[in-house]
Amino acid sequence: QVQLVESGGGLVQAGGSLRLSCVASGSIISFNDMGWYRQAPGKQRELVAVFTTGGRITYADSVKGRFTISRDNAKNTVYLQLNNLKPEDTAVYYCHKLLNYFNYWGQGTQVTVSS
């Protein structure tokens, strides 16, 4: 079992910044196959940034150079730094962990960017 709890969302103006946090608990062995997705109204959930199986980082093209994923193993926490936010970044952001072929999701945190 894995529990994921996100925080850090909010309302920000275009060009602003936010930092999202995901605290993981339970049967976390590593932070590989773990990261962030988002879902905007009327759209499918999409990958934002993840630590891959090999420990590398993958970013969506739309966020490269603006968002940064990081982790603190001692705190069992994965972060997503969002800089230079745009209105099109508005979405619910979800923390995700793939473990033993099962997808675990957090409850999501809302990010709203005003123009």
PDB file of N, CA and C in Angstrom:
ATOM      1  N   GLN A   1       0.835  -1.197   0.000  1.00  0.00           N
ATOM      2  CA  GLN A   1       0.000   0.000   0.000  1.00  0.00           C
ATOM      3  C   GLN A   1       0.869   1.247   0.000  1.00  0.00           C
ATOM      4  N   VAL A   2       0.442   2.222  -0.760  1.00  0.00           N
ATOM      5  CA  VAL A   2       1.147   3.496  -0.858  1.00  0.00           C
ATOM      6  C   VAL A   2       0.129   4.609  -0.667  1.00  0.00           C
ATOM      7  N   GLN A   3       0.483   5.585   0.134  1.00  0.00           N
ATOM      8  CA  GLN A   3      -0.361   6.769   0.297  1.00  0.00           C
ATOM      9  C   GLN A   3       0.424   7.990  -0.179  1.00  0.00           C
ATOM     10  N   LEU A   4      -0.255   8.822  -0.944  1.00  0.00           N
ATOM     11  CA  LEU A   4       0.370  10.021  -1.503  1.00  0.00           C
ATOM     12  C   LEU A   4      -0.495  11.225  -1.134  1.00  0.00           C
ATOM     13  N   VAL A   5       0.120  12.235  -0.573  1.00  0.00           N
ATOM     14  CA  VAL A   5      -0.613  13.434  -0.169  1.00  0.00           C
ATOM     15  C   VAL A   5       0.063  14.655  -0.761  1.00  0.00           C
ATOM     16  N   GLU A   6      -0.665  15.350  -1.632  1.00  0.00           N
ATOM     17  CA  GLU A   6      -0.133  16.544  -2.284  1.00  0.00           C
ATOM     18  C   GLU A   6      -0.524  17.800  -1.518  1.00  0.00           C
ATOM     19  N   SER A   7       0.271  18.825  -1.704  1.00  0.00           N
ATOM     20  CA  SER A   7      -0.040  20.151  -1.173  1.00  0.00           C
ATOM     21  C   SER A   7       0.712  21.187  -1.999  1.00  0.00           C
ATOM     22  N   GLY A   8       0.324  22.446  -1.807  1.00  0.00           N
ATOM     23  CA  GLY A   8       1.067  23.532  -2.434  1.00  0.00           C
ATOM     24  C   GLY A   8       0.380  24.217  -3.590  1.00  0.00           C
ATOM     25  N   GLY A   9      -0.774  23.713  -3.987  1.00  0.00           N
ATOM     26  CA  GLY A   9      -1.482  24.374  -5.075  1.00  0.00           C
ATOM     27  C   GLY A   9      -2.054  25.713  -4.650  1.00  0.00           C
ATOM     28  N   GLY A  10      -2.612  26.434  -5.610  1.00  0.00           N
ATOM     29  CA  GLY A  10      -3.205  27.724  -5.297  1.00  0.00           C
ATOM     30  C   GLY A  10      -3.486  28.534  -6.531  1.00  0.00           C
ATOM     31  N   LEU A  11      -3.822  29.797  -6.304  1.00  0.00           N
ATOM     32  CA  LEU A  11      -4.109  30.744  -7.381  1.00  0.00           C
ATOM     33  C   LEU A  11      -2.913  31.677  -7.530  1.00  0.00           C
ATOM     34  N   VAL A  12      -2.427  31.808  -8.749  1.00  0.00           N
ATOM     35  CA  VAL A  12      -1.260  32.651  -9.000  1.00  0.00           C
ATOM     36  C   VAL A  12      -1.435  33.357 -10.334  1.00  0.00           C
ATOM     37  N   GLN A  13      -0.829  34.510 -10.470  1.00  0.00           N
ATOM     38  CA  GLN A  13      -0.886  35.229 -11.735  1.00  0.00           C
ATOM     39  C   GLN A  13       0.110  34.638 -12.724  1.00  0.00           C
ATOM     40  N   ALA A  14      -0.151  34.850 -13.988  1.00  0.00           N
ATOM     41  CA  ALA A  14       0.773  34.404 -15.027  1.00  0.00           C
ATOM     42  C   ALA A  14       2.164  34.974 -14.759  1.00  0.00           C
ATOM     43  N   GLY A  15       3.150  34.109 -14.930  1.00  0.00           N
ATOM     44  CA  GLY A  15       4.519  34.501 -14.642  1.00  0.00           C
ATOM     45  C   GLY A  15       4.959  34.168 -13.231  1.00  0.00           C
ATOM     46  N   GLY A  16       4.023  33.791 -12.394  1.00  0.00           N
ATOM     47  CA  GLY A  16       4.336  33.484 -11.008  1.00  0.00           C
ATOM     48  C   GLY A  16       4.856  32.072 -10.827  1.00  0.00           C
ATOM     49  N   SER A  17       5.068  31.716  -9.550  1.00  0.00           N
ATOM     50  CA  SER A  17       5.653  30.418  -9.214  1.00  0.00           C
ATOM     51  C   SER A  17       4.884  29.746  -8.081  1.00  0.00           C
ATOM     52  N   LEU A  18       4.970  28.439  -8.053  1.00  0.00           N
ATOM     53  CA  LEU A  18       4.435  27.629  -6.967  1.00  0.00           C
ATOM     54  C   LEU A  18       5.357  26.434  -6.777  1.00  0.00           C
ATOM     55  N   ARG A  19       5.326  25.843  -5.589  1.00  0.00           N
ATOM     56  CA  ARG A  19       6.018  24.583  -5.360  1.00  0.00           C
ATOM     57  C   ARG A  19       5.033  23.588  -4.786  1.00  0.00           C
ATOM     58  N   LEU A  20       4.869  22.499  -5.484  1.00  0.00           N
ATOM     59  CA  LEU A  20       4.011  21.419  -5.037  1.00  0.00           C
ATOM     60  C   LEU A  20       4.835  20.379  -4.292  1.00  0.00           C
ATOM     61  N   SER A  21       4.220  19.780  -3.284  1.00  0.00           N
ATOM     62  CA  SER A  21       4.873  18.722  -2.512  1.00  0.00           C
ATOM     63  C   SER A  21       3.999  17.474  -2.516  1.00  0.00           C
ATOM     64  N   CYS A  22       4.648  16.335  -2.518  1.00  0.00           N
ATOM     65  CA  CYS A  22       3.950  15.045  -2.422  1.00  0.00           C
ATOM     66  C   CYS A  22       4.673  14.214  -1.371  1.00  0.00           C
ATOM     67  N   VAL A  23       4.000  13.999  -0.264  1.00  0.00           N
ATOM     68  CA  VAL A  23       4.565  13.175   0.794  1.00  0.00           C
ATOM     69  C   VAL A  23       4.064  11.750   0.609  1.00  0.00           C
ATOM     70  N   ALA A  24       4.999  10.820   0.540  1.00  0.00           N
ATOM     71  CA  ALA A  24       4.668   9.417   0.317  1.00  0.00           C
ATOM     72  C   ALA A  24       4.838   8.616   1.594  1.00  0.00           C
ATOM     73  N   SER A  25       3.948   7.676   1.813  1.00  0.00           N
ATOM     74  CA  SER A  25       4.064   6.770   2.957  1.00  0.00           C
ATOM     75  C   SER A  25       3.598   5.385   2.520  1.00  0.00           C
ATOM     76  N   GLY A  26       3.989   4.386   3.319  1.00  0.00           N
ATOM     77  CA  GLY A  26       3.620   3.026   2.975  1.00  0.00           C
ATOM     78  C   GLY A  26       4.794   2.273   2.401  1.00  0.00           C
ATOM     79  N   SER A  27       4.531   1.437   1.422  1.00  0.00           N
ATOM     80  CA  SER A  27       5.544   0.525   0.889  1.00  0.00           C
ATOM     81  C   SER A  27       6.375   1.173  -0.225  1.00  0.00           C
ATOM     82  N   ILE A  28       6.959   2.310   0.098  1.00  0.00           N
ATOM     83  CA  ILE A  28       7.796   2.990  -0.886  1.00  0.00           C
ATOM     84  C   ILE A  28       9.197   2.399  -0.825  1.00  0.00           C
ATOM     85  N   ILE A  29       9.646   1.813  -1.904  1.00  0.00           N
ATOM     86  CA  ILE A  29      10.996   1.264  -1.940  1.00  0.00           C
ATOM     87  C   ILE A  29      11.948   2.269  -2.575  1.00  0.00           C
ATOM     88  N   SER A  30      11.518   2.907  -3.627  1.00  0.00           N
ATOM     89  CA  SER A  30      12.347   3.914  -4.276  1.00  0.00           C
ATOM     90  C   SER A  30      11.429   4.958  -4.884  1.00  0.00           C
ATOM     91  N   PHE A  31      12.020   6.039  -5.332  1.00  0.00           N
ATOM     92  CA  PHE A  31      11.248   7.093  -5.967  1.00  0.00           C
ATOM     93  C   PHE A  31      11.271   6.969  -7.483  1.00  0.00           C
ATOM     94  N   ASN A  32      11.808   5.879  -7.992  1.00  0.00           N
ATOM     95  CA  ASN A  32      11.677   5.644  -9.424  1.00  0.00           C
ATOM     96  C   ASN A  32      10.208   5.380  -9.754  1.00  0.00           C
ATOM     97  N   ASP A  33       9.839   5.633 -10.992  1.00  0.00           N
ATOM     98  CA  ASP A  33       8.442   5.483 -11.422  1.00  0.00           C
ATOM     99  C   ASP A  33       7.514   6.299 -10.538  1.00  0.00           C
ATOM    100  N   MET A  34       7.920   7.512 -10.263  1.00  0.00           N
ATOM    101  CA  MET A  34       7.117   8.397  -9.417  1.00  0.00           C
ATOM    102  C   MET A  34       7.222   9.816  -9.940  1.00  0.00           C
ATOM    103  N   GLY A  35       6.106  10.521  -9.901  1.00  0.00           N
ATOM    104  CA  GLY A  35       6.161  11.893 -10.386  1.00  0.00           C
ATOM    105  C   GLY A  35       4.810  12.563 -10.388  1.00  0.00           C
ATOM    106  N   TRP A  36       4.646  13.487 -11.323  1.00  0.00           N
ATOM    107  CA  TRP A  36       3.477  14.363 -11.375  1.00  0.00           C
ATOM    108  C   TRP A  36       2.763  14.282 -12.710  1.00  0.00           C
ATOM    109  N   TYR A  37       1.434  14.283 -12.614  1.00  0.00           N
ATOM    110  CA  TYR A  37       0.551  14.379 -13.757  1.00  0.00           C
ATOM    111  C   TYR A  37      -0.406  15.535 -13.503  1.00  0.00           C
ATOM    112  N   ARG A  38      -1.112  15.949 -14.531  1.00  0.00           N
ATOM    113  CA  ARG A  38      -2.128  16.993 -14.359  1.00  0.00           C
ATOM    114  C   ARG A  38      -3.315  16.723 -15.268  1.00  0.00           C
ATOM    115  N   GLN A  39      -4.440  17.269 -14.854  1.00  0.00           N
ATOM    116  CA  GLN A  39      -5.658  17.124 -15.640  1.00  0.00           C
ATOM    117  C   GLN A  39      -6.416  18.441 -15.627  1.00  0.00           C
ATOM    118  N   ALA A  40      -6.557  19.010 -16.802  1.00  0.00           N
ATOM    119  CA  ALA A  40      -7.323  20.239 -16.971  1.00  0.00           C
ATOM    120  C   ALA A  40      -8.773  19.885 -17.278  1.00  0.00           C
ATOM    121  N   PRO A  41      -9.704  20.816 -17.041  1.00  0.00           N
ATOM    122  CA  PRO A  41     -11.120  20.531 -17.298  1.00  0.00           C
ATOM    123  C   PRO A  41     -11.348  20.116 -18.751  1.00  0.00           C
ATOM    124  N   GLY A  42     -12.042  19.008 -18.922  1.00  0.00           N
ATOM    125  CA  GLY A  42     -12.366  18.542 -20.257  1.00  0.00           C
ATOM    126  C   GLY A  42     -11.230  17.874 -21.001  1.00  0.00           C
ATOM    127  N   LYS A  43     -10.102  17.682 -20.335  1.00  0.00           N
ATOM    128  CA  LYS A  43      -8.944  17.076 -20.999  1.00  0.00           C
ATOM    129  C   LYS A  43      -8.513  15.812 -20.269  1.00  0.00           C
ATOM    130  N   GLN A  44      -7.724  15.006 -20.961  1.00  0.00           N
ATOM    131  CA  GLN A  44      -7.197  13.794 -20.343  1.00  0.00           C
ATOM    132  C   GLN A  44      -6.054  14.130 -19.397  1.00  0.00           C
ATOM    133  N   ARG A  45      -5.843  13.250 -18.449  1.00  0.00           N
ATOM    134  CA  ARG A  45      -4.711  13.405 -17.542  1.00  0.00           C
ATOM    135  C   ARG A  45      -3.419  13.215 -18.347  1.00  0.00           C
ATOM    136  N   GLU A  46      -2.432  14.069 -18.078  1.00  0.00           N
ATOM    137  CA  GLU A  46      -1.187  14.016 -18.830  1.00  0.00           C
ATOM    138  C   GLU A  46       0.018  14.060 -17.913  1.00  0.00           C
ATOM    139  N   LEU A  47       1.100  13.463 -18.396  1.00  0.00           N
ATOM    140  CA  LEU A  47       2.352  13.476 -17.649  1.00  0.00           C
ATOM    141  C   LEU A  47       2.921  14.886 -17.623  1.00  0.00           C
ATOM    142  N   VAL A  48       3.440  15.276 -16.462  1.00  0.00           N
ATOM    143  CA  VAL A  48       4.126  16.563 -16.333  1.00  0.00           C
ATOM    144  C   VAL A  48       5.627  16.324 -16.160  1.00  0.00           C
ATOM    145  N   ALA A  49       5.987  15.561 -15.118  1.00  0.00           N
ATOM    146  CA  ALA A  49       7.389  15.283 -14.843  1.00  0.00           C
ATOM    147  C   ALA A  49       7.471  14.043 -13.965  1.00  0.00           C
ATOM    148  N   VAL A  50       8.371  13.148 -14.318  1.00  0.00           N
ATOM    149  CA  VAL A  50       8.488  11.911 -13.543  1.00  0.00           C
ATOM    150  C   VAL A  50       9.938  11.465 -13.439  1.00  0.00           C
ATOM    151  N   PHE A  51      10.228  10.745 -12.364  1.00  0.00           N
ATOM    152  CA  PHE A  51      11.451   9.965 -12.261  1.00  0.00           C
ATOM    153  C   PHE A  51      11.144   8.610 -12.886  1.00  0.00           C
ATOM    154  N   THR A  52      11.906   8.246 -13.904  1.00  0.00           N
ATOM    155  CA  THR A  52      11.615   7.017 -14.635  1.00  0.00           C
ATOM    156  C   THR A  52      12.180   5.797 -13.913  1.00  0.00           C
ATOM    157  N   THR A  53      11.925   4.636 -14.522  1.00  0.00           N
ATOM    158  CA  THR A  53      12.400   3.383 -13.943  1.00  0.00           C
ATOM    159  C   THR A  53      13.903   3.401 -13.738  1.00  0.00           C
ATOM    160  N   GLY A  54      14.628   3.984 -14.665  1.00  0.00           N
ATOM    161  CA  GLY A  54      16.078   4.041 -14.551  1.00  0.00           C
ATOM    162  C   GLY A  54      16.591   5.187 -13.711  1.00  0.00           C
ATOM    163  N   GLY A  55      15.681   5.952 -13.106  1.00  0.00           N
ATOM    164  CA  GLY A  55      16.113   7.059 -12.270  1.00  0.00           C
ATOM    165  C   GLY A  55      16.333   8.349 -13.031  1.00  0.00           C
ATOM    166  N   ARG A  56      16.087   8.318 -14.338  1.00  0.00           N
ATOM    167  CA  ARG A  56      16.203   9.566 -15.104  1.00  0.00           C
ATOM    168  C   ARG A  56      14.930  10.387 -14.928  1.00  0.00           C
ATOM    169  N   ILE A  57      14.932  11.585 -15.477  1.00  0.00           N
ATOM    170  CA  ILE A  57      13.777  12.483 -15.369  1.00  0.00           C
ATOM    171  C   ILE A  57      13.216  12.739 -16.759  1.00  0.00           C
ATOM    172  N   THR A  58      11.908  12.672 -16.863  1.00  0.00           N
ATOM    173  CA  THR A  58      11.206  13.005 -18.098  1.00  0.00           C
ATOM    174  C   THR A  58      10.253  14.154 -17.837  1.00  0.00           C
ATOM    175  N   TYR A  59      10.280  15.138 -18.713  1.00  0.00           N
ATOM    176  CA  TYR A  59       9.370  16.281 -18.634  1.00  0.00           C
ATOM    177  C   TYR A  59       8.492  16.328 -19.878  1.00  0.00           C
ATOM    178  N   ALA A  60       7.265  16.799 -19.703  1.00  0.00           N
ATOM    179  CA  ALA A  60       6.445  17.125 -20.862  1.00  0.00           C
ATOM    180  C   ALA A  60       7.093  18.292 -21.596  1.00  0.00           C
ATOM    181  N   ASP A  61       6.996  18.286 -22.917  1.00  0.00           N
ATOM    182  CA  ASP A  61       7.605  19.367 -23.697  1.00  0.00           C
ATOM    183  C   ASP A  61       7.071  20.728 -23.274  1.00  0.00           C
ATOM    184  N   SER A  62       5.812  20.778 -22.892  1.00  0.00           N
ATOM    185  CA  SER A  62       5.178  22.057 -22.568  1.00  0.00           C
ATOM    186  C   SER A  62       5.705  22.687 -21.288  1.00  0.00           C
ATOM    187  N   VAL A  63       6.419  21.915 -20.466  1.00  0.00           N
ATOM    188  CA  VAL A  63       6.895  22.463 -19.190  1.00  0.00           C
ATOM    189  C   VAL A  63       8.413  22.503 -19.099  1.00  0.00           C
ATOM    190  N   LYS A  64       9.104  21.975 -20.094  1.00  0.00           N
ATOM    191  CA  LYS A  64      10.573  21.976 -20.059  1.00  0.00           C
ATOM    192  C   LYS A  64      11.100  23.394 -19.926  1.00  0.00           C
ATOM    193  N   GLY A  65      12.064  23.553 -19.022  1.00  0.00           N
ATOM    194  CA  GLY A  65      12.660  24.853 -18.784  1.00  0.00           C
ATOM    195  C   GLY A  65      11.882  25.708 -17.803  1.00  0.00           C
ATOM    196  N   ARG A  66      10.687  25.284 -17.423  1.00  0.00           N
ATOM    197  CA  ARG A  66       9.872  26.053 -16.478  1.00  0.00           C
ATOM    198  C   ARG A  66       9.605  25.278 -15.193  1.00  0.00           C
ATOM    199  N   PHE A  67       9.430  23.973 -15.290  1.00  0.00           N
ATOM    200  CA  PHE A  67       9.124  23.144 -14.120  1.00  0.00           C
ATOM    201  C   PHE A  67      10.339  22.283 -13.787  1.00  0.00           C
ATOM    202  N   THR A  68      10.504  22.005 -12.496  1.00  0.00           N
ATOM    203  CA  THR A  68      11.598  21.151 -12.047  1.00  0.00           C
ATOM    204  C   THR A  68      11.096  20.169 -11.008  1.00  0.00           C
ATOM    205  N   ILE A  69      11.352  18.896 -11.234  1.00  0.00           N
ATOM    206  CA  ILE A  69      11.002  17.864 -10.264  1.00  0.00           C
ATOM    207  C   ILE A  69      12.230  17.548  -9.424  1.00  0.00           C
ATOM    208  N   SER A  70      12.006  17.324  -8.141  1.00  0.00           N
ATOM    209  CA  SER A  70      13.104  16.965  -7.259  1.00  0.00           C
ATOM    210  C   SER A  70      12.553  16.091  -6.141  1.00  0.00           C
ATOM    211  N   ARG A  71      13.447  15.573  -5.322  1.00  0.00           N
ATOM    212  CA  ARG A  71      12.984  14.708  -4.240  1.00  0.00           C
ATOM    213  C   ARG A  71      13.902  14.822  -3.054  1.00  0.00           C
ATOM    214  N   ASP A  72      13.338  14.516  -1.886  1.00  0.00           N
ATOM    215  CA  ASP A  72      14.088  14.469  -0.639  1.00  0.00           C
ATOM    216  C   ASP A  72      13.816  13.103  -0.031  1.00  0.00           C
ATOM    217  N   ASN A  73      14.761  12.195  -0.186  1.00  0.00           N
ATOM    218  CA  ASN A  73      14.545  10.830   0.278  1.00  0.00           C
ATOM    219  C   ASN A  73      14.311  10.776   1.791  1.00  0.00           C
ATOM    220  N   ALA A  74      14.998  11.613   2.521  1.00  0.00           N
ATOM    221  CA  ALA A  74      14.870  11.588   3.977  1.00  0.00           C
ATOM    222  C   ALA A  74      13.468  11.989   4.428  1.00  0.00           C
ATOM    223  N   LYS A  75      12.802  12.808   3.608  1.00  0.00           N
ATOM    224  CA  LYS A  75      11.449  13.258   3.960  1.00  0.00           C
ATOM    225  C   LYS A  75      10.376  12.513   3.186  1.00  0.00           C
ATOM    226  N   ASN A  76      10.786  11.533   2.379  1.00  0.00           N
ATOM    227  CA  ASN A  76       9.822  10.781   1.557  1.00  0.00           C
ATOM    228  C   ASN A  76       8.940  11.723   0.745  1.00  0.00           C
ATOM    229  N   THR A  77       9.558  12.736   0.174  1.00  0.00           N
ATOM    230  CA  THR A  77       8.801  13.789  -0.492  1.00  0.00           C
ATOM    231  C   THR A  77       9.344  14.040  -1.892  1.00  0.00           C
ATOM    232  N   VAL A  78       8.427  14.192  -2.833  1.00  0.00           N
ATOM    233  CA  VAL A  78       8.750  14.615  -4.191  1.00  0.00           C
ATOM    234  C   VAL A  78       8.163  16.004  -4.398  1.00  0.00           C
ATOM    235  N   TYR A  79       8.944  16.858  -5.009  1.00  0.00           N
ATOM    236  CA  TYR A  79       8.520  18.240  -5.226  1.00  0.00           C
ATOM    237  C   TYR A  79       8.369  18.518  -6.720  1.00  0.00           C
ATOM    238  N   LEU A  80       7.560  19.528  -7.011  1.00  0.00           N
ATOM    239  CA  LEU A  80       7.480  20.063  -8.361  1.00  0.00           C
ATOM    240  C   LEU A  80       7.506  21.576  -8.252  1.00  0.00           C
ATOM    241  N   GLN A  81       8.597  22.166  -8.714  1.00  0.00           N
ATOM    242  CA  GLN A  81       8.718  23.613  -8.753  1.00  0.00           C
ATOM    243  C   GLN A  81       8.163  24.108 -10.069  1.00  0.00           C
ATOM    244  N   LEU A  82       7.175  24.985 -10.001  1.00  0.00           N
ATOM    245  CA  LEU A  82       6.518  25.531 -11.190  1.00  0.00           C
ATOM    246  C   LEU A  82       6.881  27.002 -11.305  1.00  0.00           C
ATOM    247  N   ASN A  83       7.631  27.355 -12.330  1.00  0.00           N
ATOM    248  CA  ASN A  83       8.025  28.739 -12.575  1.00  0.00           C
ATOM    249  C   ASN A  83       7.435  29.242 -13.883  1.00  0.00           C
ATOM    250  N   ASN A  84       7.358  30.572 -13.996  1.00  0.00           N
ATOM    251  CA  ASN A  84       6.842  31.185 -15.219  1.00  0.00           C
ATOM    252  C   ASN A  84       5.518  30.536 -15.640  1.00  0.00           C
ATOM    253  N   LEU A  85       4.607  30.459 -14.702  1.00  0.00           N
ATOM    254  CA  LEU A  85       3.339  29.788 -14.957  1.00  0.00           C
ATOM    255  C   LEU A  85       2.510  30.520 -16.007  1.00  0.00           C
ATOM    256  N   LYS A  86       1.777  29.714 -16.763  1.00  0.00           N
ATOM    257  CA  LYS A  86       0.923  30.236 -17.830  1.00  0.00           C
ATOM    258  C   LYS A  86      -0.521  29.797 -17.559  1.00  0.00           C
ATOM    259  N   PRO A  87      -1.502  30.541 -18.083  1.00  0.00           N
ATOM    260  CA  PRO A  87      -2.895  30.133 -17.876  1.00  0.00           C
ATOM    261  C   PRO A  87      -3.168  28.691 -18.305  1.00  0.00           C
ATOM    262  N   GLU A  88      -2.476  28.218 -19.318  1.00  0.00           N
ATOM    263  CA  GLU A  88      -2.692  26.851 -19.790  1.00  0.00           C
ATOM    264  C   GLU A  88      -2.128  25.799 -18.837  1.00  0.00           C
ATOM    265  N   ASP A  89      -1.427  26.224 -17.799  1.00  0.00           N
ATOM    266  CA  ASP A  89      -0.965  25.284 -16.762  1.00  0.00           C
ATOM    267  C   ASP A  89      -2.057  25.012 -15.728  1.00  0.00           C
ATOM    268  N   THR A  90      -3.165  25.725 -15.828  1.00  0.00           N
ATOM    269  CA  THR A  90      -4.266  25.521 -14.893  1.00  0.00           C
ATOM    270  C   THR A  90      -4.778  24.092 -14.988  1.00  0.00           C
ATOM    271  N   ALA A  91      -4.793  23.401 -13.849  1.00  0.00           N
ATOM    272  CA  ALA A  91      -5.193  21.997 -13.817  1.00  0.00           C
ATOM    273  C   ALA A  91      -5.156  21.499 -12.374  1.00  0.00           C
ATOM    274  N   VAL A  92      -5.689  20.310 -12.179  1.00  0.00           N
ATOM    275  CA  VAL A  92      -5.452  19.595 -10.930  1.00  0.00           C
ATOM    276  C   VAL A  92      -4.189  18.760 -11.124  1.00  0.00           C
ATOM    277  N   TYR A  93      -3.255  18.926 -10.229  1.00  0.00           N
ATOM    278  CA  TYR A  93      -1.982  18.223 -10.307  1.00  0.00           C
ATOM    279  C   TYR A  93      -2.004  17.033  -9.341  1.00  0.00           C
ATOM    280  N   TYR A  94      -1.644  15.875  -9.885  1.00  0.00           N
ATOM    281  CA  TYR A  94      -1.684  14.636  -9.123  1.00  0.00           C
ATOM    282  C   TYR A  94      -0.288  14.038  -8.978  1.00  0.00           C
ATOM    283  N   CYS A  95      -0.014  13.562  -7.797  1.00  0.00           N
ATOM    284  CA  CYS A  95       1.191  12.782  -7.554  1.00  0.00           C
ATOM    285  C   CYS A  95       0.892  11.330  -7.907  1.00  0.00           C
ATOM    286  N   HIS A  96       1.862  10.649  -8.486  1.00  0.00           N
ATOM    287  CA  HIS A  96       1.659   9.283  -8.960  1.00  0.00           C
ATOM    288  C   HIS A  96       2.859   8.420  -8.613  1.00  0.00           C
ATOM    289  N   LYS A  97       2.555   7.171  -8.285  1.00  0.00           N
ATOM    290  CA  LYS A  97       3.595   6.169  -8.039  1.00  0.00           C
ATOM    291  C   LYS A  97       3.147   4.854  -8.662  1.00  0.00           C
ATOM    292  N   LEU A  98       4.024   4.264  -9.457  1.00  0.00           N
ATOM    293  CA  LEU A  98       3.792   2.934 -10.010  1.00  0.00           C
ATOM    294  C   LEU A  98       4.588   1.941  -9.180  1.00  0.00           C
ATOM    295  N   LEU A  99       3.893   0.973  -8.589  1.00  0.00           N
ATOM    296  CA  LEU A  99       4.549  -0.013  -7.750  1.00  0.00           C
ATOM    297  C   LEU A  99       3.886  -1.360  -7.967  1.00  0.00           C
ATOM    298  N   ASN A 100       4.699  -2.343  -8.343  1.00  0.00           N
ATOM    299  CA  ASN A 100       4.177  -3.692  -8.579  1.00  0.00           C
ATOM    300  C   ASN A 100       3.013  -3.682  -9.567  1.00  0.00           C
ATOM    301  N   TYR A 101       3.179  -2.894 -10.632  1.00  0.00           N
ATOM    302  CA  TYR A 101       2.212  -2.798 -11.714  1.00  0.00           C
ATOM    303  C   TYR A 101       0.904  -2.138 -11.296  1.00  0.00           C
ATOM    304  N   PHE A 102       0.871  -1.509 -10.122  1.00  0.00           N
ATOM    305  CA  PHE A 102      -0.339  -0.838  -9.668  1.00  0.00           C
ATOM    306  C   PHE A 102      -0.075   0.662  -9.621  1.00  0.00           C
ATOM    307  N   ASN A 103      -1.053   1.438 -10.096  1.00  0.00           N
ATOM    308  CA  ASN A 103      -0.941   2.888 -10.093  1.00  0.00           C
ATOM    309  C   ASN A 103      -1.567   3.479  -8.843  1.00  0.00           C
ATOM    310  N   TYR A 104      -0.756   4.201  -8.098  1.00  0.00           N
ATOM    311  CA  TYR A 104      -1.241   4.912  -6.919  1.00  0.00           C
ATOM    312  C   TYR A 104      -1.316   6.408  -7.247  1.00  0.00           C
ATOM    313  N   TRP A 105      -2.399   7.039  -6.794  1.00  0.00           N
ATOM    314  CA  TRP A 105      -2.610   8.465  -7.047  1.00  0.00           C
ATOM    315  C   TRP A 105      -2.921   9.190  -5.750  1.00  0.00           C
ATOM    316  N   GLY A 106      -2.472  10.423  -5.666  1.00  0.00           N
ATOM    317  CA  GLY A 106      -2.895  11.280  -4.591  1.00  0.00           C
ATOM    318  C   GLY A 106      -4.262  11.868  -4.895  1.00  0.00           C
ATOM    319  N   GLN A 107      -4.726  12.722  -3.987  1.00  0.00           N
ATOM    320  CA  GLN A 107      -6.064  13.306  -4.147  1.00  0.00           C
ATOM    321  C   GLN A 107      -6.054  14.502  -5.095  1.00  0.00           C
ATOM    322  N   GLY A 108      -4.879  15.002  -5.390  1.00  0.00           N
ATOM    323  CA  GLY A 108      -4.756  16.130  -6.309  1.00  0.00           C
ATOM    324  C   GLY A 108      -4.729  17.467  -5.596  1.00  0.00           C
ATOM    325  N   THR A 109      -4.069  18.426  -6.234  1.00  0.00           N
ATOM    326  CA  THR A 109      -4.041  19.790  -5.724  1.00  0.00           C
ATOM    327  C   THR A 109      -4.274  20.735  -6.901  1.00  0.00           C
ATOM    328  N   GLN A 110      -5.140  21.710  -6.698  1.00  0.00           N
ATOM    329  CA  GLN A 110      -5.550  22.601  -7.781  1.00  0.00           C
ATOM    330  C   GLN A 110      -4.528  23.722  -7.981  1.00  0.00           C
ATOM    331  N   VAL A 111      -4.130  23.909  -9.222  1.00  0.00           N
ATOM    332  CA  VAL A 111      -3.300  25.052  -9.612  1.00  0.00           C
ATOM    333  C   VAL A 111      -4.102  25.878 -10.614  1.00  0.00           C
ATOM    334  N   THR A 112      -4.301  27.148 -10.285  1.00  0.00           N
ATOM    335  CA  THR A 112      -5.036  28.047 -11.164  1.00  0.00           C
ATOM    336  C   THR A 112      -4.153  29.245 -11.480  1.00  0.00           C
ATOM    337  N   VAL A 113      -3.965  29.499 -12.772  1.00  0.00           N
ATOM    338  CA  VAL A 113      -3.123  30.598 -13.217  1.00  0.00           C
ATOM    339  C   VAL A 113      -3.999  31.612 -13.935  1.00  0.00           C
ATOM    340  N   SER A 114      -4.027  32.814 -13.419  1.00  0.00           N
ATOM    341  CA  SER A 114      -4.836  33.870 -14.028  1.00  0.00           C
ATOM    342  C   SER A 114      -3.984  34.692 -14.992  1.00  0.00           C
ATOM    343  N   SER A 115      -4.625  35.182 -16.019  1.00  0.00           N
ATOM    344  CA  SER A 115      -3.899  35.971 -17.041  1.00  0.00           C
ATOM    345  C   SER A 115      -3.881  37.444 -16.703  1.00  0.00           C
TER     346      SER A 115
END
